Amino acid sequence: MTIGWHFDNTYSKLPDTFKEVIKPTPVHDPELLILNDKLSKDLNLDFSKIDKGELSKIFSGNSLPKGSTTIAQAYAGHQFGHFTMLGDGRAVLLGEHLVNNTNRFDVQFKGSGRTSFSRSGDGRAVLGPMLREYIISEAIHALNIPTTRSLAVVKTGEKVVRENLLPGAILTRVASSHIRVGTFQYIAAKQNIDDLITLVDYTIQRHYPEIKSSKNKALDLLNLVMERQCKLVVNWMRVGFIHGVMNTDNMAISGETIDYGPCAFMDHYDTKTVFSSIDKYGRYSFSNQPPITKWNLARLAECLIPLIDKNEDAAIKIATETIDNFQNIYENKWLNMMRDKLGLFGKDKNDLKLINDLLYWMESNQADYTNTFCHLMNINSSNDSKYKDTNFINWFEKWESRVLINNGSIEKSINLMKKNNPIVIPRNHKVEEALEAANNNDLNLTNKLLSILNKPYDNQNYIDDYQSPSNNTEYQTFCGT
């Protein structure tokens, strides 16, 4: 088979503290449901000459690629604020695939069986959540937001016990790495300074080689991770994405979106929006995503204290000042992002008020977040009576006046807006429709949804049904664990 795998597995060579060597648990009757042809090409992998039966064995873990070294990674995490020692309880890393001998990508199975980190879990995953991750992660990628990717989904031919008996599945996830804030927490909790130095050096080599010769690598690493995480969460806010479970073990050091459990996209604008069934107090609500990012970064900073300065008090002071700068970085990036969403060139002292006035109007009138910006771009302009509201009309006039500042024009502004405002997002009810059909062995809705979400900024034909928000105001998502 000339698929093109090129494994070079550096993480598996780290000390035993970092991982467990383990193979995926074979499954009874694997069946390949979906294979990401575009991602395969990006990875220089060619599956075209491999029959479906063999592909099913490969992506279920029944037949491992040559050169793979399968491990489960160790990490910890603050889960809803409570610290726990964790690890890959239902995932196995095949190894690191090299593309053109330069770009390195983790290839991981999710739902591949028990490991020593499984605690009381069965190590398996069910079809719905694995397809959800495939759909949403590919949508996030198409929205130009850093993310892990989904290469394949396989049905295992086995039932998994959850609330009911559900079809089992395995997702193949591709990431620039699976190093998390929780990885640093795990190693820091072991209190072995040599392992902590090893992790910092490994992370820098893999993701931030520009600081290899830094005099204070730990501090520079913290600053660079903070910069990427700020950029990431601003992008989430741009498109109305709600991650749903921002535990520290779900925060990648690379700055990629990782783990698509109870995630969803906001319909009508409400800062308190929560979809996760287990988020009873709104810890991970839409508006809480920036402060939780800061909180998670503070946990990373705590791990790095011994390496920031030999004097602990001095190190704490430096780390605290660094984390306190998050707010300034975030607010600046958020304001510029919102200027782009509104097609505003340059700066004006009234920009923040103009933006907040629109958001306040949207929240007060339960206006759809995505469609309001489409309305401003004259794309599928809604006949919704909300946009005939006097307050909105008054705001609209102020916005038109602001657009003309700094040599702006309506045409230039709308061109800028089209690059930053999606026309279509994964509407929650359309995702659920696709998952329900898939559970009944029908992938037509999944494939159609993926096709539409692949071009979120294009004004496609016949997508009205994919632009309308759900009427279900009680919609909930679940972790699928």
Protein backbone atom coordinates (compact mmCIF):
# COMPACT_ATOMS: atom_id res chain seq x y z
CA MET A 1 0.00 0.00 0.00
CA THR A 2 1.50 3.34 -1.04
CA ILE A 3 -0.65 5.60 1.13
CA GLY A 4 2.21 7.93 1.98
CA TRP A 5 2.43 7.69 5.77
CA HIS A 6 5.66 9.20 7.04
CA PHE A 7 5.81 8.82 10.80
CA ASP A 8 8.46 10.44 13.00
CA ASN A 9 7.29 9.97 16.56
CA THR A 10 9.09 12.36 18.91
CA TYR A 11 6.49 12.56 21.69
CA SER A 12 6.64 8.80 22.28
CA LYS A 13 10.37 9.19 23.01
CA LEU A 14 9.72 11.49 25.98
CA PRO A 15 10.04 10.01 29.51
CA ASP A 16 7.46 7.47 30.69
CA THR A 17 5.77 10.12 32.87
CA PHE A 18 4.36 11.69 29.71
CA LYS A 19 2.52 8.69 28.32
CA GLU A 20 1.44 5.07 28.33
CA VAL A 21 2.45 2.76 25.48
CA ILE A 22 -0.76 1.05 24.38
CA LYS A 23 -2.51 -0.17 21.24
CA PRO A 24 -6.11 0.55 20.20
CA THR A 25 -8.59 -2.14 21.20
CA PRO A 26 -9.66 -4.03 18.05
CA VAL A 27 -13.33 -3.66 17.07
CA HIS A 28 -15.79 -6.24 15.84
CA ASP A 29 -16.99 -5.05 12.45
CA PRO A 30 -15.54 -1.67 11.35
CA GLU A 31 -17.19 0.29 8.58
CA LEU A 32 -15.76 3.49 7.12
CA LEU A 33 -18.49 6.15 7.02
CA ILE A 34 -16.64 9.24 5.92
CA LEU A 35 -13.13 10.10 4.73
CA ASN A 36 -11.87 13.65 4.35
CA ASP A 37 -10.40 13.69 0.83
CA LYS A 38 -9.32 17.33 1.01
CA LEU A 39 -7.46 16.86 4.28
CA SER A 40 -5.91 13.65 2.92
CA LYS A 41 -4.42 15.64 0.04
CA ASP A 42 -3.19 18.34 2.42
CA LEU A 43 -1.39 15.59 4.34
CA ASN A 44 0.04 14.06 1.13
CA LEU A 45 -1.87 10.85 1.80
CA ASP A 46 -3.44 8.85 -1.03
CA PHE A 47 -6.18 6.39 -0.09
CA SER A 48 -7.57 6.07 -3.62
CA LYS A 49 -6.12 2.60 -4.25
CA ILE A 50 -7.24 1.16 -0.91
CA ASP A 51 -10.58 -0.63 -0.80
CA LYS A 52 -13.20 0.35 1.76
CA GLY A 53 -12.71 -2.80 3.82
CA GLU A 54 -9.02 -2.10 4.30
CA LEU A 55 -9.70 1.58 5.02
CA SER A 56 -12.18 0.49 7.69
CA LYS A 57 -9.47 -1.60 9.35
CA ILE A 58 -6.95 1.27 9.18
CA PHE A 59 -9.23 3.91 10.68
CA SER A 60 -10.57 1.62 13.40
CA GLY A 61 -7.10 0.68 14.60
CA ASN A 62 -7.50 -2.96 13.61
CA SER A 63 -4.63 -2.52 11.12
CA LEU A 64 -2.01 -0.01 12.21
CA PRO A 65 0.07 1.95 9.66
CA LYS A 66 3.73 1.08 9.36
CA GLY A 67 5.86 3.41 11.45
CA SER A 68 3.16 4.27 13.98
CA THR A 69 4.01 4.10 17.69
CA THR A 70 0.74 4.10 19.61
CA ILE A 71 0.54 5.83 22.98
CA ALA A 72 -1.98 7.44 25.31
CA GLN A 73 -0.85 10.86 26.53
CA ALA A 74 -0.92 11.89 30.18
CA TYR A 75 -2.34 15.25 31.23
CA ALA A 76 -4.33 16.88 34.00
CA GLY A 77 -7.10 19.45 33.94
CA HIS A 78 -9.24 21.90 35.80
CA GLN A 79 -12.68 20.58 34.86
CA PHE A 80 -15.27 23.22 35.72
CA GLY A 81 -12.69 24.62 38.13
CA HIS A 82 -11.83 21.35 39.89
CA PHE A 83 -8.33 19.89 39.41
CA THR A 84 -8.07 16.27 38.28
CA MET A 85 -5.22 14.07 37.04
CA LEU A 86 -6.32 12.78 33.67
CA GLY A 87 -4.97 11.46 30.36
CA ASP A 88 -6.22 9.95 27.12
CA GLY A 89 -8.99 7.80 28.53
CA ARG A 90 -10.48 6.94 25.15
CA ALA A 91 -7.87 8.13 22.68
CA VAL A 92 -4.66 6.71 21.23
CA LEU A 93 -2.02 8.71 19.38
CA LEU A 94 -0.73 6.82 16.35
CA GLY A 95 2.22 9.15 15.99
CA GLU A 96 3.38 12.23 14.13
CA HIS A 97 2.98 12.27 10.36
CA LEU A 98 5.45 14.46 8.47
CA VAL A 99 4.34 16.37 5.38
CA ASN A 100 7.22 17.27 3.04
CA ASN A 101 9.63 16.60 5.92
CA THR A 102 8.64 19.92 7.50
CA ASN A 103 5.07 20.14 8.78
CA ARG A 104 4.33 17.69 11.59
CA PHE A 105 0.83 16.52 12.52
CA ASP A 106 -0.44 14.27 15.28
CA VAL A 107 -2.77 11.53 14.07
CA GLN A 108 -5.03 10.33 16.86
CA PHE A 109 -7.91 7.87 17.25
CA LYS A 110 -10.74 9.01 19.50
CA GLY A 111 -12.95 6.24 20.89
CA SER A 112 -10.34 3.52 20.43
CA GLY A 113 -10.69 1.71 23.75
CA ARG A 114 -9.59 1.77 27.35
CA THR A 115 -6.24 3.02 28.61
CA SER A 116 -4.79 3.32 32.11
CA PHE A 117 -6.29 6.83 32.18
CA SER A 118 -9.87 5.66 31.52
CA ARG A 119 -10.84 5.56 35.20
CA SER A 120 -14.29 3.91 35.13
CA GLY A 121 -14.93 4.71 31.46
CA ASP A 122 -15.19 2.20 28.63
CA GLY A 123 -12.81 4.07 26.32
CA ARG A 124 -15.37 4.09 23.53
CA ALA A 125 -17.23 6.82 21.68
CA VAL A 126 -20.62 6.91 19.99
CA LEU A 127 -21.43 7.89 16.43
CA GLY A 128 -23.32 11.15 17.03
CA PRO A 129 -20.58 13.03 18.94
CA MET A 130 -17.85 11.78 16.58
CA LEU A 131 -19.77 13.02 13.53
CA ARG A 132 -20.48 16.28 15.39
CA GLU A 133 -16.74 16.79 15.87
CA TYR A 134 -16.14 16.02 12.20
CA ILE A 135 -18.79 18.50 11.05
CA ILE A 136 -17.96 21.34 13.44
CA SER A 137 -14.17 21.07 13.24
CA GLU A 138 -14.30 21.17 9.44
CA ALA A 139 -16.70 24.13 9.61
CA ILE A 140 -14.33 25.96 11.96
CA HIS A 141 -11.47 25.29 9.55
CA ALA A 142 -13.49 26.70 6.64
CA LEU A 143 -14.18 29.80 8.78
CA ASN A 144 -10.38 30.37 8.86
CA ILE A 145 -10.08 29.62 12.58
CA PRO A 146 -7.19 27.48 13.88
CA THR A 147 -8.46 24.01 14.74
CA THR A 148 -7.77 20.33 14.93
CA ARG A 149 -9.15 18.54 11.87
CA SER A 150 -11.12 15.35 11.25
CA LEU A 151 -9.77 12.80 8.79
CA ALA A 152 -12.26 9.94 9.11
CA VAL A 153 -15.15 8.42 11.04
CA VAL A 154 -15.62 4.67 11.31
CA LYS A 155 -18.52 2.75 12.82
CA THR A 156 -17.21 -0.02 15.04
CA GLY A 157 -20.09 -2.46 14.58
CA GLU A 158 -20.49 -2.51 18.36
CA LYS A 159 -23.01 -0.92 20.70
CA VAL A 160 -21.88 1.48 23.41
CA VAL A 161 -23.77 1.84 26.67
CA ARG A 162 -24.76 5.42 27.46
CA GLU A 163 -28.31 6.47 28.36
CA ASN A 164 -29.26 3.85 25.77
CA LEU A 165 -27.41 1.40 23.56
CA LEU A 166 -25.85 3.54 20.82
CA PRO A 167 -23.72 2.77 17.74
CA GLY A 168 -19.99 2.95 18.48
CA ALA A 169 -17.60 5.00 16.35
CA ILE A 170 -13.98 6.10 16.12
CA LEU A 171 -12.87 9.53 14.89
CA THR A 172 -9.42 10.13 13.42
CA ARG A 173 -8.27 13.55 14.59
CA VAL A 174 -5.36 15.51 13.12
CA ALA A 175 -3.65 18.26 15.13
CA SER A 176 -0.40 20.20 15.08
CA SER A 177 -0.02 18.55 18.50
CA HIS A 178 -2.09 17.47 21.50
CA ILE A 179 0.01 19.38 24.06
CA ARG A 180 -2.41 21.14 26.38
CA VAL A 181 -2.32 23.46 29.37
CA GLY A 182 -3.30 20.27 31.18
CA THR A 183 -0.10 18.58 29.99
CA PHE A 184 1.91 21.22 31.83
CA GLN A 185 -0.33 20.83 34.89
CA TYR A 186 0.26 17.08 34.94
CA ILE A 187 4.05 17.40 34.72
CA ALA A 188 4.12 20.27 37.23
CA ALA A 189 2.06 18.21 39.69
CA LYS A 190 4.69 15.44 39.49
CA GLN A 191 7.22 18.01 40.81
CA ASN A 192 10.09 16.80 38.66
CA ILE A 193 11.87 19.91 37.41
CA ASP A 194 13.78 17.99 34.74
CA ASP A 195 10.52 16.75 33.20
CA LEU A 196 9.14 20.30 33.24
CA ILE A 197 12.25 21.61 31.45
CA THR A 198 11.89 18.76 28.96
CA LEU A 199 8.27 19.70 28.25
CA VAL A 200 9.06 23.40 27.81
CA ASP A 201 11.94 22.62 25.44
CA TYR A 202 9.87 20.10 23.49
CA THR A 203 6.92 22.50 23.14
CA ILE A 204 9.17 25.32 21.95
CA GLN A 205 10.91 23.07 19.45
CA ARG A 206 7.54 21.93 18.10
CA HIS A 207 5.52 25.15 18.09
CA TYR A 208 7.67 28.18 18.90
CA PRO A 209 11.21 27.52 17.56
CA GLU A 210 11.80 31.25 17.25
CA ILE A 211 12.45 31.41 21.03
CA LYS A 212 14.83 28.40 21.26
CA SER A 213 17.72 30.72 22.15
CA SER A 214 15.73 32.91 24.53
CA LYS A 215 17.21 33.77 27.93
CA ASN A 216 13.83 33.16 29.58
CA LYS A 217 12.13 30.50 27.47
CA ALA A 218 9.34 29.82 29.97
CA LEU A 219 8.23 33.45 30.08
CA ASP A 220 8.46 33.90 26.33
CA LEU A 221 6.46 30.70 25.86
CA LEU A 222 3.74 32.02 28.18
CA ASN A 223 3.54 35.28 26.22
CA LEU A 224 3.34 33.53 22.84
CA VAL A 225 0.67 31.08 24.01
CA MET A 226 -1.33 34.00 25.42
CA GLU A 227 -1.09 35.83 22.09
CA ARG A 228 -2.38 32.79 20.16
CA GLN A 229 -5.15 32.06 22.64
CA CYS A 230 -6.31 35.68 22.49
CA LYS A 231 -6.46 35.46 18.72
CA LEU A 232 -8.34 32.17 18.91
CA VAL A 233 -11.07 33.29 21.30
CA VAL A 234 -11.54 36.55 19.37
CA ASN A 235 -12.21 34.42 16.30
CA TRP A 236 -14.76 32.36 18.26
CA MET A 237 -16.50 35.58 19.27
CA ARG A 238 -16.41 36.76 15.66
CA VAL A 239 -18.57 33.87 14.42
CA GLY A 240 -20.67 33.23 17.54
CA PHE A 241 -19.00 29.93 18.42
CA ILE A 242 -19.41 28.57 21.94
CA HIS A 243 -16.88 25.89 22.83
CA GLY A 244 -18.89 24.65 25.78
CA VAL A 245 -16.19 22.94 27.84
CA MET A 246 -13.12 25.14 28.20
CA ASN A 247 -11.39 22.98 30.79
CA THR A 248 -7.61 23.37 30.89
CA ASP A 249 -7.19 19.94 29.28
CA ASN A 250 -9.14 21.30 26.29
CA MET A 251 -6.81 24.25 25.74
CA ALA A 252 -4.09 23.46 23.18
CA ILE A 253 -0.70 25.14 23.51
CA SER A 254 -0.66 25.45 19.71
CA GLY A 255 -3.63 27.86 19.78
CA GLU A 256 -5.92 25.44 17.91
CA THR A 257 -9.54 24.77 18.80
CA ILE A 258 -9.60 21.29 20.32
CA ASP A 259 -12.35 18.98 21.58
CA TYR A 260 -15.80 19.48 20.12
CA GLY A 261 -18.02 18.08 22.85
CA PRO A 262 -21.02 20.25 23.74
CA CYS A 263 -20.05 23.00 21.28
CA ALA A 264 -22.60 24.97 19.25
CA PHE A 265 -23.14 28.27 17.44
CA MET A 266 -25.22 31.10 18.83
CA ASP A 267 -28.42 32.03 17.00
CA HIS A 268 -29.95 35.19 18.50
CA TYR A 269 -27.39 37.35 20.25
CA ASP A 270 -27.28 36.68 23.98
CA THR A 271 -24.04 37.02 25.93
CA LYS A 272 -25.20 34.43 28.46
CA THR A 273 -25.83 31.72 25.84
CA VAL A 274 -24.96 28.22 27.07
CA PHE A 275 -25.78 25.01 25.20
CA SER A 276 -23.95 22.43 27.31
CA SER A 277 -26.26 20.30 29.43
CA ILE A 278 -23.65 20.09 32.20
CA ASP A 279 -22.82 23.82 32.39
CA LYS A 280 -25.47 24.64 34.98
CA TYR A 281 -24.01 27.99 36.04
CA GLY A 282 -22.80 29.39 32.74
CA ARG A 283 -19.08 29.06 33.47
CA TYR A 284 -18.42 28.56 29.75
CA SER A 285 -21.08 30.87 28.33
CA PHE A 286 -20.43 32.97 25.22
CA SER A 287 -19.33 36.09 27.14
CA ASN A 288 -17.28 34.09 29.65
CA GLN A 289 -14.97 32.63 27.03
CA PRO A 290 -12.40 35.48 27.23
CA PRO A 291 -12.14 35.54 31.06
CA ILE A 292 -11.96 31.73 31.15
CA THR A 293 -9.13 31.88 28.61
CA LYS A 294 -7.30 34.22 30.97
CA TRP A 295 -8.04 31.92 33.90
CA ASN A 296 -6.65 28.93 32.00
CA LEU A 297 -3.54 30.88 31.05
CA ALA A 298 -3.02 31.71 34.72
CA ARG A 299 -2.98 27.96 35.40
CA LEU A 300 -0.28 27.59 32.75
CA ALA A 301 1.69 30.42 34.34
CA GLU A 302 1.55 28.64 37.71
CA CYS A 303 3.20 25.58 36.16
CA LEU A 304 6.04 27.68 34.76
CA ILE A 305 6.87 29.58 37.98
CA PRO A 306 9.99 27.48 38.78
CA LEU A 307 11.44 28.28 35.35
CA ILE A 308 10.53 31.97 35.11
CA ASP A 309 12.83 33.04 37.95
CA LYS A 310 14.85 31.23 40.62
CA ASN A 311 13.31 33.56 43.20
CA GLU A 312 9.72 32.34 43.61
CA ASP A 313 8.34 35.72 44.70
CA ALA A 314 9.93 37.41 41.71
CA ALA A 315 8.61 34.70 39.39
CA ILE A 316 5.06 35.08 40.74
CA LYS A 317 5.25 38.86 40.28
CA ILE A 318 6.46 38.50 36.67
CA ALA A 319 3.85 35.85 35.84
CA THR A 320 1.04 37.90 37.41
CA GLU A 321 2.00 41.01 35.44
CA THR A 322 2.11 38.93 32.26
CA ILE A 323 -1.34 37.41 32.79
CA ASP A 324 -2.78 40.80 33.77
CA ASN A 325 -1.81 42.03 30.31
CA PHE A 326 -4.29 39.57 28.76
CA GLN A 327 -7.14 42.05 29.05
CA ASN A 328 -5.36 44.73 27.04
CA ILE A 329 -4.33 42.28 24.32
CA TYR A 330 -7.80 40.78 24.09
CA GLU A 331 -9.71 44.07 24.10
CA ASN A 332 -7.50 45.50 21.34
CA LYS A 333 -7.90 42.39 19.16
CA TRP A 334 -11.66 42.21 19.85
CA LEU A 335 -12.20 45.88 18.96
CA ASN A 336 -10.29 45.50 15.68
CA MET A 337 -12.21 42.31 14.90
CA MET A 338 -15.54 44.10 15.42
CA ARG A 339 -14.36 46.98 13.24
CA ASP A 340 -13.72 44.42 10.49
CA LYS A 341 -17.15 42.85 10.99
CA LEU A 342 -18.69 46.30 10.53
CA GLY A 343 -16.40 47.30 7.66
CA LEU A 344 -14.80 50.16 9.57
CA PHE A 345 -11.42 51.38 8.33
CA GLY A 346 -9.03 53.12 10.67
CA LYS A 347 -10.10 54.23 14.14
CA ASP A 348 -12.64 56.63 15.53
CA LYS A 349 -13.18 57.57 19.18
CA ASN A 350 -16.85 56.54 18.94
CA ASP A 351 -16.21 53.06 17.49
CA LEU A 352 -16.64 51.18 20.77
CA LYS A 353 -19.96 52.90 21.46
CA LEU A 354 -21.18 52.21 17.92
CA ILE A 355 -20.30 48.51 18.31
CA ASN A 356 -21.80 48.16 21.77
CA ASP A 357 -24.99 49.96 20.72
CA LEU A 358 -25.50 47.37 17.97
CA LEU A 359 -24.82 44.46 20.30
CA TYR A 360 -27.18 45.90 22.90
CA TRP A 361 -29.89 46.32 20.26
CA MET A 362 -29.35 42.76 19.03
CA GLU A 363 -29.63 41.35 22.54
CA SER A 364 -32.68 43.44 23.43
CA ASN A 365 -34.49 42.42 20.24
CA GLN A 366 -33.27 38.80 20.08
CA ALA A 367 -31.81 39.46 16.65
CA ASP A 368 -29.83 36.67 14.99
CA TYR A 369 -26.09 37.32 15.32
CA THR A 370 -25.01 35.96 11.93
CA ASN A 371 -27.99 37.21 9.95
CA THR A 372 -27.77 40.75 11.32
CA PHE A 373 -24.36 41.18 9.70
CA CYS A 374 -25.70 39.57 6.52
CA HIS A 375 -28.46 42.20 6.57
CA LEU A 376 -25.86 44.96 6.83
CA MET A 377 -24.05 43.48 3.81
CA ASN A 378 -27.31 43.34 1.80
CA ILE A 379 -26.98 39.57 1.54
CA ASN A 380 -30.26 37.68 1.76
CA SER A 381 -31.55 40.80 3.41
CA SER A 382 -34.24 39.71 5.81
CA ASN A 383 -37.75 41.11 5.78
CA ASP A 384 -37.71 40.62 9.54
CA SER A 385 -39.61 43.48 11.13
CA LYS A 386 -36.81 43.83 13.69
CA TYR A 387 -34.76 45.71 11.11
CA LYS A 388 -37.56 48.25 10.68
CA ASP A 389 -37.26 49.16 14.35
CA THR A 390 -36.64 52.88 14.91
CA ASN A 391 -33.63 52.24 17.15
CA PHE A 392 -32.02 50.05 14.52
CA ILE A 393 -32.68 52.59 11.75
CA ASN A 394 -31.09 55.33 13.88
CA TRP A 395 -28.06 53.11 14.55
CA PHE A 396 -27.83 52.22 10.85
CA GLU A 397 -27.58 55.90 9.90
CA LYS A 398 -24.71 56.39 12.38
CA TRP A 399 -22.98 53.33 10.98
CA GLU A 400 -23.28 54.61 7.39
CA SER A 401 -21.75 57.92 8.46
CA ARG A 402 -18.86 56.15 10.22
CA VAL A 403 -18.16 53.98 7.16
CA LEU A 404 -17.35 57.10 5.12
CA ILE A 405 -14.60 58.20 7.55
CA ASN A 406 -10.94 57.51 6.68
CA ASN A 407 -11.53 57.43 2.91
CA GLY A 408 -14.09 54.68 3.33
CA SER A 409 -17.03 53.80 1.13
CA ILE A 410 -19.97 51.43 1.42
CA GLU A 411 -18.48 49.24 -1.30
CA LYS A 412 -15.06 48.98 0.37
CA SER A 413 -16.70 48.32 3.73
CA ILE A 414 -18.93 45.54 2.45
CA ASN A 415 -15.91 43.87 0.78
CA LEU A 416 -14.13 43.90 4.16
CA MET A 417 -17.24 42.60 5.92
CA LYS A 418 -17.61 39.70 3.48
CA LYS A 419 -14.19 38.41 4.56
CA ASN A 420 -15.14 38.43 8.24
CA ASN A 421 -18.85 37.61 8.41
CA PRO A 422 -19.99 34.12 7.49
CA ILE A 423 -23.22 33.80 5.53
CA VAL A 424 -23.80 30.29 6.80
CA ILE A 425 -22.78 28.59 10.07
CA PRO A 426 -23.53 25.11 11.44
CA ARG A 427 -27.06 25.86 12.61
CA ASN A 428 -27.81 23.64 15.58
CA HIS A 429 -31.01 22.13 14.21
CA LYS A 430 -29.37 21.31 10.87
CA VAL A 431 -26.51 19.55 12.66
CA GLU A 432 -29.02 17.56 14.73
CA GLU A 433 -30.98 16.60 11.60
CA ALA A 434 -27.81 15.30 9.99
CA LEU A 435 -26.77 13.32 13.09
CA GLU A 436 -30.22 11.78 13.48
CA ALA A 437 -30.22 10.66 9.84
CA ALA A 438 -26.70 9.26 10.23
CA ASN A 439 -27.85 7.18 13.18
CA ASN A 440 -30.32 5.65 10.73
CA ASN A 441 -27.56 4.88 8.21
CA ASP A 442 -28.29 7.90 5.99
CA LEU A 443 -25.30 10.22 5.41
CA ASN A 444 -26.93 12.36 2.71
CA LEU A 445 -27.74 15.22 5.09
CA THR A 446 -24.25 15.08 6.62
CA ASN A 447 -22.58 15.28 3.23
CA LYS A 448 -24.83 18.11 2.07
CA LEU A 449 -24.22 20.05 5.28
CA LEU A 450 -20.46 19.59 4.97
CA SER A 451 -20.56 20.79 1.36
CA ILE A 452 -22.39 24.00 2.31
CA LEU A 453 -20.24 24.67 5.39
CA ASN A 454 -17.11 24.31 3.28
CA LYS A 455 -17.84 27.74 1.72
CA PRO A 456 -19.20 29.79 4.63
CA TYR A 457 -18.37 33.20 3.12
CA ASP A 458 -19.91 32.46 -0.29
CA ASN A 459 -23.46 33.49 -1.14
CA GLN A 460 -24.51 30.03 -2.29
CA ASN A 461 -27.77 29.14 -3.99
CA TYR A 462 -30.59 27.32 -2.25
CA ILE A 463 -29.25 27.61 1.29
CA ASP A 464 -32.09 29.61 2.87
CA ASP A 465 -32.99 26.67 5.07
CA TYR A 466 -29.40 26.56 6.36
CA GLN A 467 -29.45 30.23 7.34
CA SER A 468 -32.58 30.25 9.47
CA PRO A 469 -32.15 29.93 13.23
CA SER A 470 -33.86 27.17 15.15
CA ASN A 471 -37.17 27.76 16.90
CA ASN A 472 -35.96 25.55 19.75
CA THR A 473 -34.95 27.97 22.51
CA GLU A 474 -34.26 25.06 24.90
CA TYR A 475 -31.63 23.42 22.69
CA GLN A 476 -28.92 21.52 24.59
CA THR A 477 -25.75 19.70 23.62
CA PHE A 478 -24.00 16.86 25.43
CA CYS A 479 -20.37 15.83 25.92
CA GLY A 480 -20.78 12.37 24.47
CA THR A 481 -18.35 10.89 27.00
